[in-house]
Amino acid sequence: MDSFTHILLPEQTLSSLLWRSPFVVTRAGYYEKPLNYSVSRISHSEAVLILCVDGKGFVRYKGKDYNCAKGWLTFLEPDLPHDYGAVADDPWTILWLHFIGDGIPALIDLFQKNNLEPVSYQPGYKGISEKMIDIIRLLNDFDNLLDIQKACSVLQSLLLDILSSGTYLSSDRQYIRQAIQFMKNHLFDNIDLAAIAEHLGITTFHVIRLFRDALKVTPMQYYHTMQINEALHLLQDTDMTVTEISQQLNFSSSFYFSQAFKKKIGLSPAAYRKETRK
C-alpha cells in the first residue's frame, strides 16, 4: 500500500448495501507516520476503528486520555466527541476504517457488557491488521458491489475477533466462536441448526439468540453467507462448473444453489464469474 491511502465510498453504493449487512464500511485507509496529524470531532455519525501498527499516538475519548503504541486498537462509537492523533517525536502508523449499520447498537452493548475498553492492546493485533488490510484492498480495487460485500463480510468477522480477543471469554462468546469454527469445519457438509446446537450442547433457541444478539443474523444466515463466500472464491479462482460448486458445497441442487447465490449477491453464479473475469 502507499504510505497515505484514503478510500471513500459513494453514498449511493452504501445505501444499496445497508439492507444486506449489519455493518457497512464507508471509508478506510492507511497512514504511515503522518506528521502533525490529529483529528478532533464534536460528533461523527459513523463508528471508527483505528489500529496502531507502529509508532505512537494519543486518543481522548469519554473523559479519558489514552497513549497508543503498536498493537493498540481504538473503537469510537458514533455521535460522541473524540480527539486522536500522532505523537510528534514518533508518529504512529495506523490502519483505520469507518462503518455504519443496524448492528452497531448491539456491538456497543457487547463492549459494555463485557467491560471492554474502547482503547486497548490487542494480543492478536496481527490478525486484526491482516483483515483491515484485506478490507482496504477490496475497497481500493472494487469495480462492483461484490467487492464491497466481501469487505463487509470481512468487517463482521473482524469485529467478532475483537470481541473475542480478551484472555477471558464470556460463555456466550465462547459458544459463538465454537459454533463458527464448527461451521468452518463443516462448510461442505450443509449442516443444520440442530447439528450446531448438538455440537455446543445447548438448545437451538439458545443458538439463535446468541447469534441474533451478537451478530444480528441467525446462525444459518451466517453459515450460508460463509458458503456463498466460498462459492465466490471457487467461481473466481477455479474452473469448476456451477453444478460442481453446488455439489462441493452440498446444496440439494444447482438450481437451489443459484437461487441462494443470486439472493445474496444480486447476480447468478454464471454472471458473477463473467463479471470477475472481464
C-alpha atoms as a PDB file:
ATOM      1  CA  MET A   1       0.000   0.000   0.000  1.00  0.00           C
ATOM      2  CA  ASP A   2       1.007   3.635  -0.444  1.00  0.00           C
ATOM      3  CA  SER A   3       2.144   5.488   2.675  1.00  0.00           C
ATOM      4  CA  PHE A   4      -1.088   7.501   2.514  1.00  0.00           C
ATOM      5  CA  THR A   5      -4.247   5.707   1.429  1.00  0.00           C
ATOM      6  CA  HIS A   6      -7.774   7.079   1.912  1.00  0.00           C
ATOM      7  CA  ILE A   7     -10.792   5.450   0.271  1.00  0.00           C
ATOM      8  CA  LEU A   8     -14.289   6.970   0.438  1.00  0.00           C
ATOM      9  CA  LEU A   9     -17.244   5.011  -0.968  1.00  0.00           C
ATOM     10  CA  PRO A  10     -20.069   6.740  -2.887  1.00  0.00           C
ATOM     11  CA  GLU A  11     -23.235   7.337  -0.854  1.00  0.00           C
ATOM     12  CA  GLN A  12     -25.462   5.580  -3.405  1.00  0.00           C
ATOM     13  CA  THR A  13     -23.265   2.493  -3.144  1.00  0.00           C
ATOM     14  CA  LEU A  14     -23.601   2.424   0.640  1.00  0.00           C
ATOM     15  CA  SER A  15     -27.386   2.797   0.624  1.00  0.00           C
ATOM     16  CA  SER A  16     -27.729  -0.270  -1.598  1.00  0.00           C
ATOM     17  CA  LEU A  17     -25.773  -2.361   0.935  1.00  0.00           C
ATOM     18  CA  LEU A  18     -27.368  -1.349   4.240  1.00  0.00           C
ATOM     19  CA  TRP A  19     -30.229  -3.832   4.000  1.00  0.00           C
ATOM     20  CA  ARG A  20     -27.799  -6.701   3.299  1.00  0.00           C
ATOM     21  CA  SER A  21     -25.315  -6.335   6.141  1.00  0.00           C
ATOM     22  CA  PRO A  22     -25.427  -5.231   9.804  1.00  0.00           C
ATOM     23  CA  PHE A  23     -22.084  -3.457   9.283  1.00  0.00           C
ATOM     24  CA  VAL A  24     -21.135  -1.489   6.157  1.00  0.00           C
ATOM     25  CA  VAL A  25     -17.707   0.080   5.613  1.00  0.00           C
ATOM     26  CA  THR A  26     -17.971   3.718   4.485  1.00  0.00           C
ATOM     27  CA  ARG A  27     -14.303   4.656   4.248  1.00  0.00           C
ATOM     28  CA  ALA A  28     -10.941   3.161   5.104  1.00  0.00           C
ATOM     29  CA  GLY A  29      -7.256   3.917   4.877  1.00  0.00           C
ATOM     30  CA  TYR A  30      -3.628   3.600   5.895  1.00  0.00           C
ATOM     31  CA  TYR A  31      -1.442   6.440   7.169  1.00  0.00           C
ATOM     32  CA  GLU A  32       2.292   5.856   7.575  1.00  0.00           C
ATOM     33  CA  LYS A  33       3.857   8.154  10.200  1.00  0.00           C
ATOM     34  CA  PRO A  34       1.879  11.291   9.249  1.00  0.00           C
ATOM     35  CA  LEU A  35       3.479  14.463  10.615  1.00  0.00           C
ATOM     36  CA  ASN A  36       1.337  16.909  12.605  1.00  0.00           C
ATOM     37  CA  TYR A  37      -1.653  14.584  12.203  1.00  0.00           C
ATOM     38  CA  SER A  38      -4.630  14.996  14.528  1.00  0.00           C
ATOM     39  CA  VAL A  39      -8.418  14.753  14.374  1.00  0.00           C
ATOM     40  CA  SER A  40     -10.936  16.499  16.651  1.00  0.00           C
ATOM     41  CA  ARG A  41     -14.665  15.880  16.283  1.00  0.00           C
ATOM     42  CA  ILE A  42     -17.589  17.088  18.384  1.00  0.00           C
ATOM     43  CA  SER A  43     -19.781  14.458  16.748  1.00  0.00           C
ATOM     44  CA  HIS A  44     -19.475  11.878  13.980  1.00  0.00           C
ATOM     45  CA  SER A  45     -22.253   9.738  12.501  1.00  0.00           C
ATOM     46  CA  GLU A  46     -20.043   6.697  11.872  1.00  0.00           C
ATOM     47  CA  ALA A  47     -18.266   4.208  14.122  1.00  0.00           C
ATOM     48  CA  VAL A  48     -14.465   4.254  13.830  1.00  0.00           C
ATOM     49  CA  LEU A  49     -11.753   1.596  14.235  1.00  0.00           C
ATOM     50  CA  ILE A  50      -8.083   2.591  14.423  1.00  0.00           C
ATOM     51  CA  LEU A  51      -5.215   0.100  14.758  1.00  0.00           C
ATOM     52  CA  CYS A  52      -1.733   1.394  15.544  1.00  0.00           C
ATOM     53  CA  VAL A  53       0.850  -0.803  13.786  1.00  0.00           C
ATOM     54  CA  ASP A  54       3.922   1.316  14.550  1.00  0.00           C
ATOM     55  CA  GLY A  55       4.967   4.456  16.395  1.00  0.00           C
ATOM     56  CA  LYS A  56       2.873   6.268  18.981  1.00  0.00           C
ATOM     57  CA  GLY A  57      -0.389   8.178  19.112  1.00  0.00           C
ATOM     58  CA  PHE A  58      -2.973   9.532  21.513  1.00  0.00           C
ATOM     59  CA  VAL A  59      -6.740   9.249  21.933  1.00  0.00           C
ATOM     60  CA  ARG A  60      -9.061  11.395  24.085  1.00  0.00           C
ATOM     61  CA  TYR A  61     -12.480   9.795  24.463  1.00  0.00           C
ATOM     62  CA  LYS A  62     -15.208   9.583  27.107  1.00  0.00           C
ATOM     63  CA  GLY A  63     -13.234  11.751  29.511  1.00  0.00           C
ATOM     64  CA  LYS A  64     -10.072   9.631  29.353  1.00  0.00           C
ATOM     65  CA  ASP A  65      -6.637  10.119  27.787  1.00  0.00           C
ATOM     66  CA  TYR A  66      -5.018   7.076  26.166  1.00  0.00           C
ATOM     67  CA  ASN A  67      -1.466   6.591  24.901  1.00  0.00           C
ATOM     68  CA  CYS A  68      -1.350   4.231  21.935  1.00  0.00           C
ATOM     69  CA  ALA A  69       1.542   2.200  20.582  1.00  0.00           C
ATOM     70  CA  LYS A  70       1.986  -0.817  18.319  1.00  0.00           C
ATOM     71  CA  GLY A  71      -0.883  -3.276  18.733  1.00  0.00           C
ATOM     72  CA  TRP A  72      -3.342  -0.834  20.312  1.00  0.00           C
ATOM     73  CA  LEU A  73      -6.860  -0.709  18.884  1.00  0.00           C
ATOM     74  CA  THR A  74      -9.375   2.118  19.253  1.00  0.00           C
ATOM     75  CA  PHE A  75     -13.148   1.734  18.843  1.00  0.00           C
ATOM     76  CA  LEU A  76     -15.098   5.009  18.739  1.00  0.00           C
ATOM     77  CA  GLU A  77     -18.881   4.963  18.928  1.00  0.00           C
ATOM     78  CA  PRO A  78     -20.926   7.208  16.629  1.00  0.00           C
ATOM     79  CA  ASP A  79     -22.135  10.636  17.801  1.00  0.00           C
ATOM     80  CA  LEU A  80     -19.614  11.061  20.636  1.00  0.00           C
ATOM     81  CA  PRO A  81     -16.833  13.696  20.778  1.00  0.00           C
ATOM     82  CA  HIS A  82     -13.288  12.424  20.385  1.00  0.00           C
ATOM     83  CA  ASP A  83      -9.745  13.505  19.589  1.00  0.00           C
ATOM     84  CA  TYR A  84      -6.839  11.451  18.310  1.00  0.00           C
ATOM     85  CA  GLY A  85      -3.558  11.932  16.545  1.00  0.00           C
ATOM     86  CA  ALA A  86       0.129  11.148  16.152  1.00  0.00           C
ATOM     87  CA  VAL A  87       2.804  11.879  18.751  1.00  0.00           C
ATOM     88  CA  ALA A  88       5.296  14.377  17.316  1.00  0.00           C
ATOM     89  CA  ASP A  89       8.578  12.597  18.109  1.00  0.00           C
ATOM     90  CA  ASP A  90       7.434   9.139  16.912  1.00  0.00           C
ATOM     91  CA  PRO A  91       4.290   9.466  14.755  1.00  0.00           C
ATOM     92  CA  TRP A  92       2.112   6.399  14.630  1.00  0.00           C
ATOM     93  CA  THR A  93       1.319   4.345  11.543  1.00  0.00           C
ATOM     94  CA  ILE A  94      -2.352   3.386  11.505  1.00  0.00           C
ATOM     95  CA  LEU A  95      -4.910   1.289   9.694  1.00  0.00           C
ATOM     96  CA  TRP A  96      -8.368   2.764  10.077  1.00  0.00           C
ATOM     97  CA  LEU A  97     -11.929   2.355   8.904  1.00  0.00           C
ATOM     98  CA  HIS A  98     -15.347   3.913   9.432  1.00  0.00           C
ATOM     99  CA  PHE A  99     -18.589   1.950   9.319  1.00  0.00           C
ATOM    100  CA  ILE A 100     -22.349   2.253   9.739  1.00  0.00           C
ATOM    101  CA  GLY A 101     -25.186  -0.253  10.114  1.00  0.00           C
ATOM    102  CA  ASP A 102     -28.016  -1.602  12.254  1.00  0.00           C
ATOM    103  CA  GLY A 103     -25.602  -3.887  14.122  1.00  0.00           C
ATOM    104  CA  ILE A 104     -23.738  -1.037  15.848  1.00  0.00           C
ATOM    105  CA  PRO A 105     -26.058  -0.669  18.895  1.00  0.00           C
ATOM    106  CA  ALA A 106     -25.674  -4.388  19.650  1.00  0.00           C
ATOM    107  CA  LEU A 107     -21.890  -4.086  19.175  1.00  0.00           C
ATOM    108  CA  ILE A 108     -21.733  -1.196  21.667  1.00  0.00           C
ATOM    109  CA  ASP A 109     -23.867  -3.182  24.093  1.00  0.00           C
ATOM    110  CA  LEU A 110     -21.465  -6.137  23.878  1.00  0.00           C
ATOM    111  CA  PHE A 111     -18.472  -3.877  24.551  1.00  0.00           C
ATOM    112  CA  GLN A 112     -20.226  -2.574  27.655  1.00  0.00           C
ATOM    113  CA  LYS A 113     -21.491  -5.936  28.916  1.00  0.00           C
ATOM    114  CA  ASN A 114     -18.046  -7.463  28.620  1.00  0.00           C
ATOM    115  CA  ASN A 115     -16.277  -4.436  30.148  1.00  0.00           C
ATOM    116  CA  LEU A 116     -14.121  -3.954  27.065  1.00  0.00           C
ATOM    117  CA  GLU A 117     -12.136  -0.719  26.980  1.00  0.00           C
ATOM    118  CA  PRO A 118     -12.632   1.417  23.837  1.00  0.00           C
ATOM    119  CA  VAL A 119      -8.828   1.734  23.581  1.00  0.00           C
ATOM    120  CA  SER A 120      -6.813  -1.377  24.421  1.00  0.00           C
ATOM    121  CA  TYR A 121      -3.832  -3.515  23.480  1.00  0.00           C
ATOM    122  CA  GLN A 122      -4.767  -6.469  21.254  1.00  0.00           C
ATOM    123  CA  PRO A 123      -2.538  -9.569  21.595  1.00  0.00           C
ATOM    124  CA  GLY A 124      -3.891 -10.743  18.238  1.00  0.00           C
ATOM    125  CA  TYR A 125      -3.309  -7.414  16.505  1.00  0.00           C
ATOM    126  CA  LYS A 126      -1.520  -9.064  13.560  1.00  0.00           C
ATOM    127  CA  GLY A 127      -4.687 -10.946  12.614  1.00  0.00           C
ATOM    128  CA  ILE A 128      -6.722  -7.749  13.013  1.00  0.00           C
ATOM    129  CA  SER A 129      -4.173  -5.929  10.842  1.00  0.00           C
ATOM    130  CA  GLU A 130      -4.437  -8.550   8.092  1.00  0.00           C
ATOM    131  CA  LYS A 131      -8.221  -8.251   7.952  1.00  0.00           C
ATOM    132  CA  MET A 132      -8.130  -4.444   7.897  1.00  0.00           C
ATOM    133  CA  ILE A 133      -5.629  -4.592   5.020  1.00  0.00           C
ATOM    134  CA  ASP A 134      -7.944  -7.026   3.198  1.00  0.00           C
ATOM    135  CA  ILE A 135     -10.807  -4.548   3.598  1.00  0.00           C
ATOM    136  CA  ILE A 136      -8.708  -1.644   2.311  1.00  0.00           C
ATOM    137  CA  ARG A 137      -7.544  -3.637  -0.720  1.00  0.00           C
ATOM    138  CA  LEU A 138     -11.070  -4.781  -1.561  1.00  0.00           C
ATOM    139  CA  LEU A 139     -12.338  -1.199  -1.428  1.00  0.00           C
ATOM    140  CA  ASN A 140      -9.348   0.185  -3.287  1.00  0.00           C
ATOM    141  CA  ASP A 141      -9.762  -2.279  -6.168  1.00  0.00           C
ATOM    142  CA  PHE A 142     -13.545  -2.524  -6.260  1.00  0.00           C
ATOM    143  CA  ASP A 143     -15.375  -2.214  -9.559  1.00  0.00           C
ATOM    144  CA  ASN A 144     -18.744  -3.621  -8.440  1.00  0.00           C
ATOM    145  CA  LEU A 145     -20.807  -4.214  -5.307  1.00  0.00           C
ATOM    146  CA  LEU A 146     -19.430  -7.717  -4.849  1.00  0.00           C
ATOM    147  CA  ASP A 147     -16.060  -6.467  -3.624  1.00  0.00           C
ATOM    148  CA  ILE A 148     -17.744  -4.182  -1.101  1.00  0.00           C
ATOM    149  CA  GLN A 149     -19.946  -7.022   0.109  1.00  0.00           C
ATOM    150  CA  LYS A 150     -16.796  -9.082   0.664  1.00  0.00           C
ATOM    151  CA  ALA A 151     -15.300  -6.183   2.627  1.00  0.00           C
ATOM    152  CA  CYS A 152     -18.424  -6.041   4.820  1.00  0.00           C
ATOM    153  CA  SER A 153     -18.152  -9.786   5.486  1.00  0.00           C
ATOM    154  CA  VAL A 154     -14.503  -9.364   6.495  1.00  0.00           C
ATOM    155  CA  LEU A 155     -15.520  -6.482   8.798  1.00  0.00           C
ATOM    156  CA  GLN A 156     -18.127  -8.661  10.506  1.00  0.00           C
ATOM    157  CA  SER A 157     -15.506 -11.354  11.098  1.00  0.00           C
ATOM    158  CA  LEU A 158     -13.031  -8.718  12.323  1.00  0.00           C
ATOM    159  CA  LEU A 159     -15.488  -7.346  14.893  1.00  0.00           C
ATOM    160  CA  LEU A 160     -16.097 -10.836  16.235  1.00  0.00           C
ATOM    161  CA  ASP A 161     -12.321 -11.288  16.586  1.00  0.00           C
ATOM    162  CA  ILE A 162     -12.130  -8.060  18.585  1.00  0.00           C
ATOM    163  CA  LEU A 163     -14.985  -9.068  20.867  1.00  0.00           C
ATOM    164  CA  SER A 164     -13.291 -12.409  21.443  1.00  0.00           C
ATOM    165  CA  SER A 165      -9.777 -11.046  21.908  1.00  0.00           C
ATOM    166  CA  GLY A 166      -9.657 -10.911  25.701  1.00  0.00           C
ATOM    167  CA  THR A 167      -7.918 -13.565  27.780  1.00  0.00           C
ATOM    168  CA  TYR A 168     -11.275 -14.295  29.355  1.00  0.00           C
ATOM    169  CA  LEU A 169     -14.203 -15.104  27.086  1.00  0.00           C
ATOM    170  CA  SER A 170     -17.765 -14.994  28.332  1.00  0.00           C
ATOM    171  CA  SER A 171     -19.691 -18.226  27.865  1.00  0.00           C
ATOM    172  CA  ASP A 172     -21.798 -16.565  25.153  1.00  0.00           C
ATOM    173  CA  ARG A 173     -18.752 -15.570  23.130  1.00  0.00           C
ATOM    174  CA  GLN A 174     -17.198 -18.987  23.609  1.00  0.00           C
ATOM    175  CA  TYR A 175     -20.345 -20.574  22.191  1.00  0.00           C
ATOM    176  CA  ILE A 176     -20.294 -18.232  19.182  1.00  0.00           C
ATOM    177  CA  ARG A 177     -16.632 -18.922  18.451  1.00  0.00           C
ATOM    178  CA  GLN A 178     -17.174 -22.668  18.785  1.00  0.00           C
ATOM    179  CA  ALA A 179     -20.216 -22.501  16.516  1.00  0.00           C
ATOM    180  CA  ILE A 180     -18.352 -20.565  13.816  1.00  0.00           C
ATOM    181  CA  GLN A 181     -15.405 -22.948  13.968  1.00  0.00           C
ATOM    182  CA  PHE A 182     -17.830 -25.879  13.657  1.00  0.00           C
ATOM    183  CA  MET A 183     -19.357 -24.195  10.599  1.00  0.00           C
ATOM    184  CA  LYS A 184     -15.902 -23.738   9.045  1.00  0.00           C
ATOM    185  CA  ASN A 185     -15.042 -27.388   9.669  1.00  0.00           C
ATOM    186  CA  HIS A 186     -18.296 -28.483   8.003  1.00  0.00           C
ATOM    187  CA  LEU A 187     -18.529 -25.877   5.253  1.00  0.00           C
ATOM    188  CA  PHE A 188     -19.026 -28.606   2.637  1.00  0.00           C
ATOM    189  CA  ASP A 189     -21.461 -30.711   4.682  1.00  0.00           C
ATOM    190  CA  ASN A 190     -24.527 -28.431   4.637  1.00  0.00           C
ATOM    191  CA  ILE A 191     -25.156 -28.810   8.364  1.00  0.00           C
ATOM    192  CA  ASP A 192     -28.396 -27.662  10.010  1.00  0.00           C
ATOM    193  CA  LEU A 193     -29.228 -25.730  13.170  1.00  0.00           C
ATOM    194  CA  ALA A 194     -29.792 -28.900  15.169  1.00  0.00           C
ATOM    195  CA  ALA A 195     -26.259 -30.122  14.397  1.00  0.00           C
ATOM    196  CA  ILE A 196     -24.779 -26.814  15.603  1.00  0.00           C
ATOM    197  CA  ALA A 197     -26.825 -26.912  18.821  1.00  0.00           C
ATOM    198  CA  GLU A 198     -25.897 -30.535  19.456  1.00  0.00           C
ATOM    199  CA  HIS A 199     -22.198 -29.743  18.991  1.00  0.00           C
ATOM    200  CA  LEU A 200     -22.438 -26.908  21.532  1.00  0.00           C
ATOM    201  CA  GLY A 201     -24.620 -28.866  23.938  1.00  0.00           C
ATOM    202  CA  ILE A 202     -27.326 -26.160  24.082  1.00  0.00           C
ATOM    203  CA  THR A 203     -30.794 -25.716  22.602  1.00  0.00           C
ATOM    204  CA  THR A 204     -31.456 -24.448  19.094  1.00  0.00           C
ATOM    205  CA  PHE A 205     -33.312 -21.476  20.622  1.00  0.00           C
ATOM    206  CA  HIS A 206     -30.183 -20.582  22.627  1.00  0.00           C
ATOM    207  CA  VAL A 207     -28.003 -20.701  19.494  1.00  0.00           C
ATOM    208  CA  ILE A 208     -30.397 -18.416  17.606  1.00  0.00           C
ATOM    209  CA  ARG A 209     -30.471 -15.918  20.491  1.00  0.00           C
ATOM    210  CA  LEU A 210     -26.670 -15.834  20.735  1.00  0.00           C
ATOM    211  CA  PHE A 211     -26.219 -15.035  17.058  1.00  0.00           C
ATOM    212  CA  ARG A 212     -29.056 -12.518  16.904  1.00  0.00           C
ATOM    213  CA  ASP A 213     -27.774 -10.653  19.967  1.00  0.00           C
ATOM    214  CA  ALA A 214     -24.125 -10.599  18.872  1.00  0.00           C
ATOM    215  CA  LEU A 215     -24.222 -10.539  15.068  1.00  0.00           C
ATOM    216  CA  LYS A 216     -27.789  -9.501  14.154  1.00  0.00           C
ATOM    217  CA  VAL A 217     -28.223 -12.620  11.984  1.00  0.00           C
ATOM    218  CA  THR A 218     -29.411 -16.174  12.571  1.00  0.00           C
ATOM    219  CA  PRO A 219     -26.851 -19.000  12.767  1.00  0.00           C
ATOM    220  CA  MET A 220     -27.993 -20.400   9.431  1.00  0.00           C
ATOM    221  CA  GLN A 221     -27.812 -17.000   7.746  1.00  0.00           C
ATOM    222  CA  TYR A 222     -24.218 -16.756   8.954  1.00  0.00           C
ATOM    223  CA  TYR A 223     -23.451 -20.287   7.760  1.00  0.00           C
ATOM    224  CA  HIS A 224     -24.994 -19.748   4.333  1.00  0.00           C
ATOM    225  CA  THR A 225     -23.031 -16.490   3.994  1.00  0.00           C
ATOM    226  CA  MET A 226     -19.851 -18.473   4.663  1.00  0.00           C
ATOM    227  CA  GLN A 227     -20.876 -20.958   1.947  1.00  0.00           C
ATOM    228  CA  ILE A 228     -21.612 -18.186  -0.538  1.00  0.00           C
ATOM    229  CA  ASN A 229     -18.258 -16.534   0.241  1.00  0.00           C
ATOM    230  CA  GLU A 230     -16.566 -19.852  -0.511  1.00  0.00           C
ATOM    231  CA  ALA A 231     -18.564 -20.062  -3.742  1.00  0.00           C
ATOM    232  CA  LEU A 232     -17.310 -16.572  -4.708  1.00  0.00           C
ATOM    233  CA  HIS A 233     -13.752 -17.846  -4.342  1.00  0.00           C
ATOM    234  CA  LEU A 234     -14.427 -21.019  -6.342  1.00  0.00           C
ATOM    235  CA  LEU A 235     -16.144 -19.112  -9.147  1.00  0.00           C
ATOM    236  CA  GLN A 236     -13.363 -16.559  -9.379  1.00  0.00           C
ATOM    237  CA  ASP A 237     -10.290 -18.725  -8.896  1.00  0.00           C
ATOM    238  CA  THR A 238     -11.203 -22.154 -10.290  1.00  0.00           C
ATOM    239  CA  ASP A 239     -12.758 -23.602 -13.432  1.00  0.00           C
ATOM    240  CA  MET A 240     -15.296 -25.700 -11.540  1.00  0.00           C
ATOM    241  CA  THR A 241     -18.768 -25.611 -13.078  1.00  0.00           C
ATOM    242  CA  VAL A 242     -21.731 -24.191 -11.200  1.00  0.00           C
ATOM    243  CA  THR A 243     -23.044 -27.731 -10.747  1.00  0.00           C
ATOM    244  CA  GLU A 244     -19.699 -28.908  -9.348  1.00  0.00           C
ATOM    245  CA  ILE A 245     -19.568 -25.988  -6.921  1.00  0.00           C
ATOM    246  CA  SER A 246     -23.119 -26.626  -5.735  1.00  0.00           C
ATOM    247  CA  GLN A 247     -22.204 -30.270  -5.153  1.00  0.00           C
ATOM    248  CA  GLN A 248     -18.957 -29.310  -3.390  1.00  0.00           C
ATOM    249  CA  LEU A 249     -20.936 -27.085  -1.007  1.00  0.00           C
ATOM    250  CA  ASN A 250     -23.550 -29.845  -0.647  1.00  0.00           C
ATOM    251  CA  PHE A 251     -26.542 -27.860  -1.873  1.00  0.00           C
ATOM    252  CA  SER A 252     -29.530 -30.031  -2.739  1.00  0.00           C
ATOM    253  CA  SER A 253     -29.382 -28.914  -6.385  1.00  0.00           C
ATOM    254  CA  SER A 254     -27.580 -26.431  -8.633  1.00  0.00           C
ATOM    255  CA  PHE A 255     -30.937 -24.648  -9.074  1.00  0.00           C
ATOM    256  CA  TYR A 256     -31.297 -24.078  -5.320  1.00  0.00           C
ATOM    257  CA  PHE A 257     -27.638 -23.003  -5.110  1.00  0.00           C
ATOM    258  CA  SER A 258     -28.121 -20.483  -7.926  1.00  0.00           C
ATOM    259  CA  GLN A 259     -31.227 -19.096  -6.245  1.00  0.00           C
ATOM    260  CA  ALA A 260     -29.431 -18.690  -2.896  1.00  0.00           C
ATOM    261  CA  PHE A 261     -26.391 -17.152  -4.596  1.00  0.00           C
ATOM    262  CA  LYS A 262     -28.428 -14.594  -6.546  1.00  0.00           C
ATOM    263  CA  LYS A 263     -30.469 -13.648  -3.476  1.00  0.00           C
ATOM    264  CA  LYS A 264     -27.276 -12.880  -1.555  1.00  0.00           C
ATOM    265  CA  ILE A 265     -25.077 -11.391  -4.271  1.00  0.00           C
ATOM    266  CA  GLY A 266     -27.578  -9.976  -6.743  1.00  0.00           C
ATOM    267  CA  LEU A 267     -26.128 -11.906  -9.678  1.00  0.00           C
ATOM    268  CA  SER A 268     -26.342 -15.512 -10.824  1.00  0.00           C
ATOM    269  CA  PRO A 269     -23.163 -17.595 -10.352  1.00  0.00           C
ATOM    270  CA  ALA A 270     -22.526 -17.530 -14.102  1.00  0.00           C
ATOM    271  CA  ALA A 271     -22.991 -13.740 -14.278  1.00  0.00           C
ATOM    272  CA  TYR A 272     -20.659 -13.254 -11.301  1.00  0.00           C
ATOM    273  CA  ARG A 273     -17.937 -15.373 -12.945  1.00  0.00           C
ATOM    274  CA  LYS A 274     -18.313 -13.356 -16.153  1.00  0.00           C
ATOM    275  CA  GLU A 275     -18.031 -10.060 -14.239  1.00  0.00           C
ATOM    276  CA  THR A 276     -14.902 -11.083 -12.351  1.00  0.00           C
ATOM    277  CA  ARG A 277     -13.117 -12.366 -15.438  1.00  0.00           C
ATOM    278  CA  LYS A 278     -13.608  -9.348 -17.680  1.00  0.00           C
END
